[in-house]
Amino acid sequence: MASRAVKIKVVAPDADTQYIDADAVVSPIADEVLLSDKMISELGLALEDVGKGHWRFMWEPKERVRRSEPPKYWR
């Protein structure tokens, strides 16, 4: 597996986060983006229903539910 430092942020149509430093790791078995719990926290994300893809920014009211984008595969 290769690893390198990158800057990432979450961009939504009406809001976004600040950039954070992260290590990008290319896995031979994963074909979707995987985020650690620490990265999710640093990005200010609140996961509401992971299986349904429901989330929000931590600063938003709990009633504000966003939906994940469709997956993009790199195989």
Foldseek 3Di string as FASTA:
>chain_A
DDKDKDWDKDDDPVDIFDTDIDIDDDDPPDFFDDDDPVRCVVNQKADDDVVQQWIDGVPDDPVDIDHDDDTDTDD
